[in-house]
Amino acid sequence: MKRDPICRMEVREEEAVTADCDGITYYFCSEGCRDKFLREKTCARTAFDLIIIGGGPAGLTAAVYAATLRMEALLVAKDLGGQAVDSTKIENYLGFDFITGPDLTDKFKHHLLDSHYIDHLISEVEGIEPREGGFQVTTSELTAYTAKALIIATGMTRRRLGVPGEKKFLRKGIFYGAIQELSFVEGEDAAVIGGGNSALQVVENLHTVARNIHLISTSELSADQAVVERVGCFANLHTYLGYKVLEFTGDQALTGVTIRKKAGAETLGLPVKGAFIAVGLEPNSSLAAPLVQLNERREIMIHPDCSTSHPGIFAAGDVTDAFGKRIVIASGEGAKAALAARQYLLNLRKAVCPVP
């Protein structure tokens, strides 16, 4: 793997766009990054009209719309794809009866990098500060970028249970929806903790791999009814509704999970080699928390146009209080945020240079 010197994205040598400069071959994720390198070798741009933070469906869609609207925009993200990368089965995303998360992410990347290129940087944002005329965004490389408007599309991260043994056996039997780890429990018993779509998606992928699947949920299953009906037909599925996990046990690796019926005293030990935890997500809102209003779930509160309580800051996707945590909804909110940010910038220009 090579690293693009402009956006810091890792690229495969055989697939990369290349350029030779001073006897050295450089590798790029796209022609846009290559052209920018050749054009700006000595002067990297740091001032933009709009900075989009986050590389999931909301951030990527916002970036594509920013490009089509000819906005001077920068996308900053730790990676491209967000939670969509972990989804093995995405159903009814418009235009696809079925598509995997990695395949959809690849299409997003192609759309952004090859069809509607904008400046982008693979990095983590460590700080946002209001400045006169806009905002300053500082990345993990301590490089500061400025913009008149921001779109926060930082998504969510997987919630932990916080019980004994969870940290000890991480990647030693405990996984968080990591589909690539299914082979770890091939022919063995496994536990899936959670009752939503993500948990039942793991069950669907496990049912031909694991010997027995123990589905543990503190409440009734909340997944889409069609998914609940599908997994209900699996002969190797054992369901424990209204149970909570007390601890994970084992020596060097996970060998069991202890559960208890809620409001009950009796405990039950299940011998399992692997446990897949899918108990929901937490919004990645801490970056914007000092500047915008959050609800009790720490989601960024937005208006219908994706604007927040702070002028110039817009938010989109799972980090917000928008109804429905779905990829298709996040994408739509990203488009809306880009359109609203453009209107905000146009209004700023009108205020500075009023039309006679």
Protein backbone atom coordinates (compact mmCIF):
# COMPACT_ATOMS: atom_id res chain seq x y z
CA MET A 1 0.00 0.00 0.00
CA LYS A 2 1.08 3.57 -0.75
CA ARG A 3 -0.08 6.81 0.87
CA ASP A 4 -1.44 9.68 -1.17
CA PRO A 5 0.75 12.72 -0.26
CA ILE A 6 -2.21 15.10 -0.63
CA CYS A 7 -5.13 13.48 1.22
CA ARG A 8 -3.14 10.82 3.17
CA MET A 9 -5.44 8.04 1.94
CA GLU A 10 -3.89 4.59 1.58
CA VAL A 11 -4.05 3.38 -2.03
CA ARG A 12 -3.08 0.17 -3.77
CA GLU A 13 -0.05 0.65 -5.98
CA GLU A 14 -1.60 -1.20 -8.92
CA GLU A 15 -4.80 0.91 -8.79
CA ALA A 16 -3.33 4.32 -8.01
CA VAL A 17 -2.92 7.33 -10.24
CA THR A 18 0.78 8.21 -10.42
CA ALA A 19 3.03 11.15 -11.15
CA ASP A 20 6.82 11.42 -11.35
CA CYS A 21 8.45 14.44 -9.76
CA ASP A 22 12.18 14.99 -9.25
CA GLY A 23 12.84 11.32 -9.93
CA ILE A 24 10.31 10.09 -7.39
CA THR A 25 7.04 8.31 -8.22
CA TYR A 26 4.05 9.48 -6.18
CA TYR A 27 0.78 7.57 -5.84
CA PHE A 28 -2.66 9.20 -5.62
CA CYS A 29 -6.24 8.12 -4.92
CA SER A 30 -7.56 10.16 -7.85
CA GLU A 31 -6.62 12.44 -10.70
CA GLY A 32 -7.88 15.34 -8.60
CA CYS A 33 -5.29 14.72 -5.88
CA ARG A 34 -2.57 14.24 -8.48
CA ASP A 35 -3.45 17.50 -10.22
CA LYS A 36 -3.55 19.31 -6.91
CA PHE A 37 -0.09 17.94 -6.03
CA LEU A 38 1.40 19.07 -9.31
CA ARG A 39 -0.29 22.46 -9.04
CA GLU A 40 0.33 23.16 -5.36
CA LYS A 41 3.57 21.42 -4.43
CA THR A 42 4.85 24.42 -2.54
CA CYS A 43 1.63 25.94 -1.24
CA ALA A 44 -1.12 23.87 0.38
CA ARG A 45 -4.49 25.59 0.65
CA THR A 46 -5.92 26.11 4.15
CA ALA A 47 -8.87 28.51 3.64
CA PHE A 48 -12.24 27.29 2.36
CA ASP A 49 -15.85 28.41 2.26
CA LEU A 50 -17.05 25.09 3.71
CA ILE A 51 -15.46 22.27 5.69
CA ILE A 52 -17.31 18.94 5.97
CA ILE A 53 -16.25 16.78 8.93
CA GLY A 54 -17.00 13.06 8.60
CA GLY A 55 -16.71 10.48 5.83
CA GLY A 56 -19.85 8.38 6.23
CA PRO A 57 -22.88 8.47 3.91
CA ALA A 58 -23.95 11.92 5.19
CA GLY A 59 -20.51 13.49 4.84
CA LEU A 60 -19.78 11.92 1.46
CA THR A 61 -23.14 12.98 0.04
CA ALA A 62 -22.63 16.50 1.37
CA ALA A 63 -19.23 16.53 -0.33
CA VAL A 64 -20.65 15.38 -3.68
CA TYR A 65 -23.32 18.08 -3.52
CA ALA A 66 -20.74 20.68 -2.53
CA ALA A 67 -18.77 19.70 -5.62
CA THR A 68 -21.77 19.92 -7.94
CA LEU A 69 -22.65 23.30 -6.43
CA ARG A 70 -19.09 24.48 -7.16
CA MET A 71 -18.43 25.31 -3.52
CA GLU A 72 -14.88 25.80 -2.26
CA ALA A 73 -15.07 22.90 0.18
CA LEU A 74 -12.81 20.51 2.09
CA LEU A 75 -13.81 17.08 3.40
CA VAL A 76 -11.93 15.91 6.52
CA ALA A 77 -12.52 12.35 7.75
CA LYS A 78 -10.73 9.57 9.62
CA ASP A 79 -11.84 7.20 6.86
CA LEU A 80 -14.36 6.99 4.06
CA GLY A 81 -17.47 4.89 4.54
CA GLY A 82 -18.30 5.25 8.21
CA GLN A 83 -20.62 2.64 9.75
CA ALA A 84 -21.72 1.56 6.26
CA VAL A 85 -18.45 -0.34 5.84
CA ASP A 86 -19.55 -2.84 8.53
CA SER A 87 -22.90 -3.61 6.91
CA THR A 88 -22.95 -6.88 5.03
CA LYS A 89 -26.51 -6.49 3.84
CA ILE A 90 -28.09 -3.15 2.92
CA GLU A 91 -31.62 -3.64 1.64
CA ASN A 92 -33.78 -1.22 -0.37
CA TYR A 93 -31.24 1.60 -0.74
CA LEU A 94 -32.79 3.31 -3.75
CA GLY A 95 -31.52 1.67 -6.94
CA PHE A 96 -30.42 -1.52 -5.15
CA ASP A 97 -32.60 -4.33 -3.85
CA PHE A 98 -29.49 -5.51 -2.03
CA ILE A 99 -25.91 -4.26 -1.75
CA THR A 100 -23.12 -4.83 0.78
CA GLY A 101 -21.68 -2.00 2.83
CA PRO A 102 -18.20 -2.21 1.28
CA ASP A 103 -19.68 -2.22 -2.24
CA LEU A 104 -21.83 0.82 -1.51
CA THR A 105 -18.84 2.58 0.08
CA ASP A 106 -16.76 1.91 -3.03
CA LYS A 107 -19.49 3.51 -5.14
CA PHE A 108 -19.55 6.51 -2.79
CA LYS A 109 -15.76 6.86 -3.11
CA HIS A 110 -15.85 6.61 -6.89
CA HIS A 111 -18.58 9.24 -7.05
CA LEU A 112 -16.58 11.59 -4.84
CA LEU A 113 -13.05 11.01 -6.08
CA ASP A 114 -13.64 10.47 -9.79
CA SER A 115 -16.96 12.06 -10.71
CA HIS A 116 -17.31 15.03 -8.35
CA TYR A 117 -13.89 15.72 -6.87
CA ILE A 118 -13.39 18.10 -3.96
CA ASP A 119 -10.39 18.65 -1.72
CA HIS A 120 -10.27 15.98 0.98
CA LEU A 121 -7.99 14.94 3.83
CA ILE A 122 -7.81 11.64 5.73
CA SER A 123 -7.21 12.89 9.24
CA GLU A 124 -8.93 13.33 12.58
CA VAL A 125 -10.33 16.70 13.59
CA GLU A 126 -9.20 17.57 17.11
CA GLY A 127 -10.69 21.00 17.57
CA ILE A 128 -13.20 23.53 16.25
CA GLU A 129 -12.98 27.16 17.30
CA PRO A 130 -15.09 30.12 16.23
CA ARG A 131 -13.08 32.82 14.48
CA GLU A 132 -14.04 36.17 13.06
CA GLY A 133 -15.84 35.42 9.83
CA GLY A 134 -16.11 31.70 10.45
CA PHE A 135 -14.31 28.80 12.11
CA GLN A 136 -10.88 27.25 12.56
CA VAL A 137 -10.59 23.46 12.32
CA THR A 138 -7.44 21.80 13.67
CA THR A 139 -6.48 18.28 12.58
CA SER A 140 -4.37 15.63 14.32
CA GLU A 141 -1.36 16.86 12.35
CA LEU A 142 -1.91 20.23 14.07
CA THR A 143 -2.67 21.82 10.71
CA ALA A 144 -5.34 24.53 10.95
CA TYR A 145 -7.95 25.13 8.26
CA THR A 146 -10.49 27.93 8.17
CA ALA A 147 -14.00 28.07 6.73
CA LYS A 148 -17.05 30.30 6.79
CA ALA A 149 -19.37 27.31 7.38
CA LEU A 150 -19.15 23.76 8.71
CA ILE A 151 -21.10 20.55 8.23
CA ILE A 152 -20.72 18.08 11.12
CA ALA A 153 -21.35 14.54 9.88
CA THR A 154 -19.31 12.55 12.38
CA GLY A 155 -21.85 9.73 12.78
CA MET A 156 -21.91 7.33 15.70
CA THR A 157 -19.72 4.68 17.33
CA ARG A 158 -20.72 1.32 18.77
CA ARG A 159 -21.88 1.33 22.37
CA ARG A 160 -20.11 -0.86 24.95
CA LEU A 161 -21.83 -2.93 27.62
CA GLY A 162 -19.43 -1.94 30.40
CA VAL A 163 -19.44 -5.34 32.13
CA PRO A 164 -16.54 -7.39 33.58
CA GLY A 165 -14.48 -9.23 30.97
CA GLU A 166 -15.57 -7.05 28.05
CA LYS A 167 -12.24 -5.25 27.70
CA LYS A 168 -10.17 -8.31 28.65
CA PHE A 169 -11.51 -10.44 25.82
CA LEU A 170 -11.74 -7.78 23.15
CA ARG A 171 -10.65 -9.44 19.87
CA LYS A 172 -10.11 -12.62 21.93
CA GLY A 173 -13.69 -13.68 21.51
CA ILE A 174 -15.56 -10.38 21.86
CA PHE A 175 -16.30 -8.37 18.73
CA TYR A 176 -18.47 -5.41 17.83
CA GLY A 177 -20.31 -6.40 14.70
CA ALA A 178 -17.04 -7.41 13.01
CA ILE A 179 -18.30 -9.65 10.21
CA GLN A 180 -14.77 -10.56 9.15
CA GLU A 181 -14.39 -12.38 12.50
CA LEU A 182 -17.17 -14.91 11.84
CA SER A 183 -14.66 -17.64 11.07
CA PHE A 184 -13.49 -17.35 14.68
CA VAL A 185 -16.62 -19.24 15.79
CA GLU A 186 -16.93 -21.69 12.90
CA GLY A 187 -18.50 -24.87 14.25
CA GLU A 188 -18.66 -23.37 17.75
CA ASP A 189 -21.32 -21.71 19.90
CA ALA A 190 -21.62 -17.94 19.74
CA ALA A 191 -23.59 -15.19 21.47
CA VAL A 192 -25.10 -12.12 19.87
CA ILE A 193 -26.06 -9.31 22.24
CA GLY A 194 -28.68 -6.85 21.02
CA GLY A 195 -32.12 -6.82 19.47
CA GLY A 196 -31.95 -4.31 16.63
CA ASN A 197 -31.21 -4.61 12.92
CA SER A 198 -27.43 -4.74 13.47
CA ALA A 199 -27.68 -7.64 15.93
CA LEU A 200 -30.01 -9.66 13.73
CA GLN A 201 -27.81 -9.01 10.74
CA VAL A 202 -24.98 -10.71 12.66
CA VAL A 203 -27.34 -13.62 13.43
CA GLU A 204 -28.12 -13.98 9.71
CA ASN A 205 -24.43 -14.16 8.89
CA LEU A 206 -23.67 -16.55 11.74
CA HIS A 207 -26.42 -19.10 11.24
CA THR A 208 -24.51 -21.11 8.61
CA VAL A 209 -21.19 -20.73 10.45
CA ALA A 210 -21.82 -21.24 14.18
CA ARG A 211 -23.17 -24.45 15.75
CA ASN A 212 -25.55 -22.62 18.09
CA ILE A 213 -26.39 -18.92 18.33
CA HIS A 214 -27.55 -17.41 21.62
CA LEU A 215 -29.36 -14.13 20.97
CA ILE A 216 -29.50 -12.03 24.14
CA SER A 217 -31.58 -8.86 24.38
CA THR A 218 -32.72 -6.79 27.37
CA SER A 219 -36.08 -6.18 25.67
CA GLU A 220 -38.25 -7.36 22.81
CA LEU A 221 -36.58 -7.40 19.40
CA SER A 222 -36.69 -3.96 17.77
CA ALA A 223 -35.40 -4.94 14.32
CA ASP A 224 -37.52 -4.63 11.18
CA GLN A 225 -40.29 -7.23 11.25
CA ALA A 226 -39.17 -8.84 8.00
CA VAL A 227 -35.72 -9.49 9.53
CA VAL A 228 -37.24 -10.83 12.76
CA GLU A 229 -39.34 -13.29 10.76
CA ARG A 230 -36.33 -14.47 8.74
CA VAL A 231 -34.12 -15.25 11.74
CA GLY A 232 -37.04 -16.86 13.56
CA CYS A 233 -36.75 -19.76 11.11
CA PHE A 234 -33.17 -20.63 12.08
CA ALA A 235 -33.07 -23.97 13.90
CA ASN A 236 -29.79 -23.19 15.69
CA LEU A 237 -31.01 -19.87 17.16
CA HIS A 238 -31.81 -19.71 20.89
CA THR A 239 -33.35 -16.44 22.04
CA TYR A 240 -33.16 -14.89 25.52
CA LEU A 241 -35.43 -11.86 25.68
CA GLY A 242 -35.46 -9.72 28.81
CA TYR A 243 -31.98 -10.88 29.84
CA LYS A 244 -28.93 -8.76 30.62
CA VAL A 245 -25.26 -9.71 30.39
CA LEU A 246 -23.50 -9.82 33.76
CA GLU A 247 -19.99 -10.77 32.69
CA PHE A 248 -17.80 -12.49 30.14
CA THR A 249 -15.65 -15.36 31.43
CA GLY A 250 -12.57 -17.24 30.34
CA ASP A 251 -8.82 -17.49 30.85
CA GLN A 252 -6.75 -16.35 27.89
CA ALA A 253 -9.76 -16.21 25.58
CA LEU A 254 -13.53 -16.04 25.94
CA THR A 255 -15.22 -19.28 26.99
CA GLY A 256 -18.57 -18.13 28.34
CA VAL A 257 -21.10 -15.40 29.08
CA THR A 258 -23.17 -15.09 32.24
CA ILE A 259 -26.68 -13.67 31.90
CA ARG A 260 -29.57 -12.94 34.25
CA LYS A 261 -33.29 -12.42 33.69
CA LYS A 262 -34.13 -8.80 34.46
CA ALA A 263 -35.71 -8.46 37.91
CA GLY A 264 -34.74 -12.07 38.59
CA ALA A 265 -32.03 -13.57 40.80
CA GLU A 266 -31.10 -16.76 38.95
CA THR A 267 -28.13 -16.54 36.58
CA LEU A 268 -27.40 -18.63 33.51
CA GLY A 269 -23.98 -19.46 32.10
CA LEU A 270 -23.71 -19.98 28.35
CA PRO A 271 -20.55 -21.63 26.98
CA VAL A 272 -19.54 -19.64 23.88
CA LYS A 273 -16.33 -19.07 21.98
CA GLY A 274 -17.39 -15.74 20.55
CA ALA A 275 -19.70 -12.88 21.46
CA PHE A 276 -20.82 -10.22 18.99
CA ILE A 277 -22.06 -7.04 20.69
CA ALA A 278 -24.54 -4.86 18.81
CA VAL A 279 -26.40 -2.81 21.42
CA GLY A 280 -26.70 0.45 19.60
CA LEU A 281 -24.60 3.46 18.83
CA GLU A 282 -23.50 6.67 20.54
CA PRO A 283 -23.34 9.97 18.61
CA ASN A 284 -19.85 11.36 18.00
CA SER A 285 -20.91 14.84 19.08
CA SER A 286 -18.18 15.78 21.58
CA LEU A 287 -16.28 17.75 18.94
CA ALA A 288 -19.20 20.12 18.41
CA ALA A 289 -20.66 19.93 21.93
CA PRO A 290 -19.20 23.25 23.17
CA LEU A 291 -20.74 25.12 20.24
CA VAL A 292 -24.14 23.58 19.46
CA GLN A 293 -27.19 22.43 21.39
CA LEU A 294 -27.49 18.69 22.14
CA ASN A 295 -30.49 16.66 23.28
CA GLU A 296 -30.57 14.20 26.19
CA ARG A 297 -29.06 11.50 23.94
CA ARG A 298 -26.21 13.88 23.06
CA GLU A 299 -27.38 14.12 19.46
CA ILE A 300 -26.90 17.46 17.73
CA MET A 301 -30.25 19.19 17.50
CA ILE A 302 -31.01 20.47 14.00
CA HIS A 303 -33.68 22.51 12.27
CA PRO A 304 -35.43 21.24 9.11
CA ASP A 305 -32.62 22.72 6.96
CA CYS A 306 -29.92 20.92 9.03
CA SER A 307 -28.82 24.17 10.68
CA THR A 308 -27.89 24.06 14.37
CA SER A 309 -28.11 26.52 17.24
CA HIS A 310 -24.81 28.08 16.12
CA PRO A 311 -24.95 30.18 12.91
CA GLY A 312 -22.79 28.67 10.19
CA ILE A 313 -22.72 25.17 11.67
CA PHE A 314 -24.85 22.53 9.98
CA ALA A 315 -25.11 18.85 10.90
CA ALA A 316 -26.29 15.74 9.10
CA GLY A 317 -26.65 12.00 9.56
CA ASP A 318 -26.61 9.79 12.63
CA VAL A 319 -24.92 12.39 14.85
CA THR A 320 -28.12 14.48 14.74
CA ASP A 321 -31.60 14.12 16.19
CA ALA A 322 -33.08 13.51 12.72
CA PHE A 323 -35.63 10.69 12.81
CA GLY A 324 -34.42 7.28 11.57
CA LYS A 325 -30.88 5.95 11.66
CA ARG A 326 -30.64 4.64 8.11
CA ILE A 327 -28.01 5.05 5.40
CA VAL A 328 -30.56 6.40 2.93
CA ILE A 329 -31.76 9.00 5.47
CA ALA A 330 -28.19 10.05 6.31
CA SER A 331 -27.44 10.51 2.61
CA GLY A 332 -30.51 12.68 2.13
CA GLU A 333 -29.64 14.78 5.17
CA GLY A 334 -26.12 15.26 3.81
CA ALA A 335 -27.49 16.61 0.54
CA LYS A 336 -29.85 18.91 2.44
CA ALA A 337 -27.02 20.22 4.64
CA ALA A 338 -24.88 21.08 1.60
CA LEU A 339 -27.76 22.96 -0.03
CA ALA A 340 -28.46 24.84 3.19
CA ALA A 341 -24.78 25.69 3.70
CA ARG A 342 -24.60 27.08 0.17
CA GLN A 343 -27.63 29.29 0.85
CA TYR A 344 -26.00 30.47 4.09
CA LEU A 345 -22.82 31.42 2.22
CA LEU A 346 -24.82 33.24 -0.45
CA ASN A 347 -26.62 35.21 2.26
CA LEU A 348 -23.28 36.14 3.80
CA ARG A 349 -22.07 37.50 0.48
CA LYS A 350 -25.25 39.48 0.01
CA ALA A 351 -24.79 41.03 3.45
CA VAL A 352 -21.23 42.07 2.62
CA CYS A 353 -22.00 43.23 -0.91
CA PRO A 354 -25.71 44.17 -1.00
CA VAL A 355 -27.29 44.33 -4.44
CA PRO A 356 -28.32 47.94 -5.22
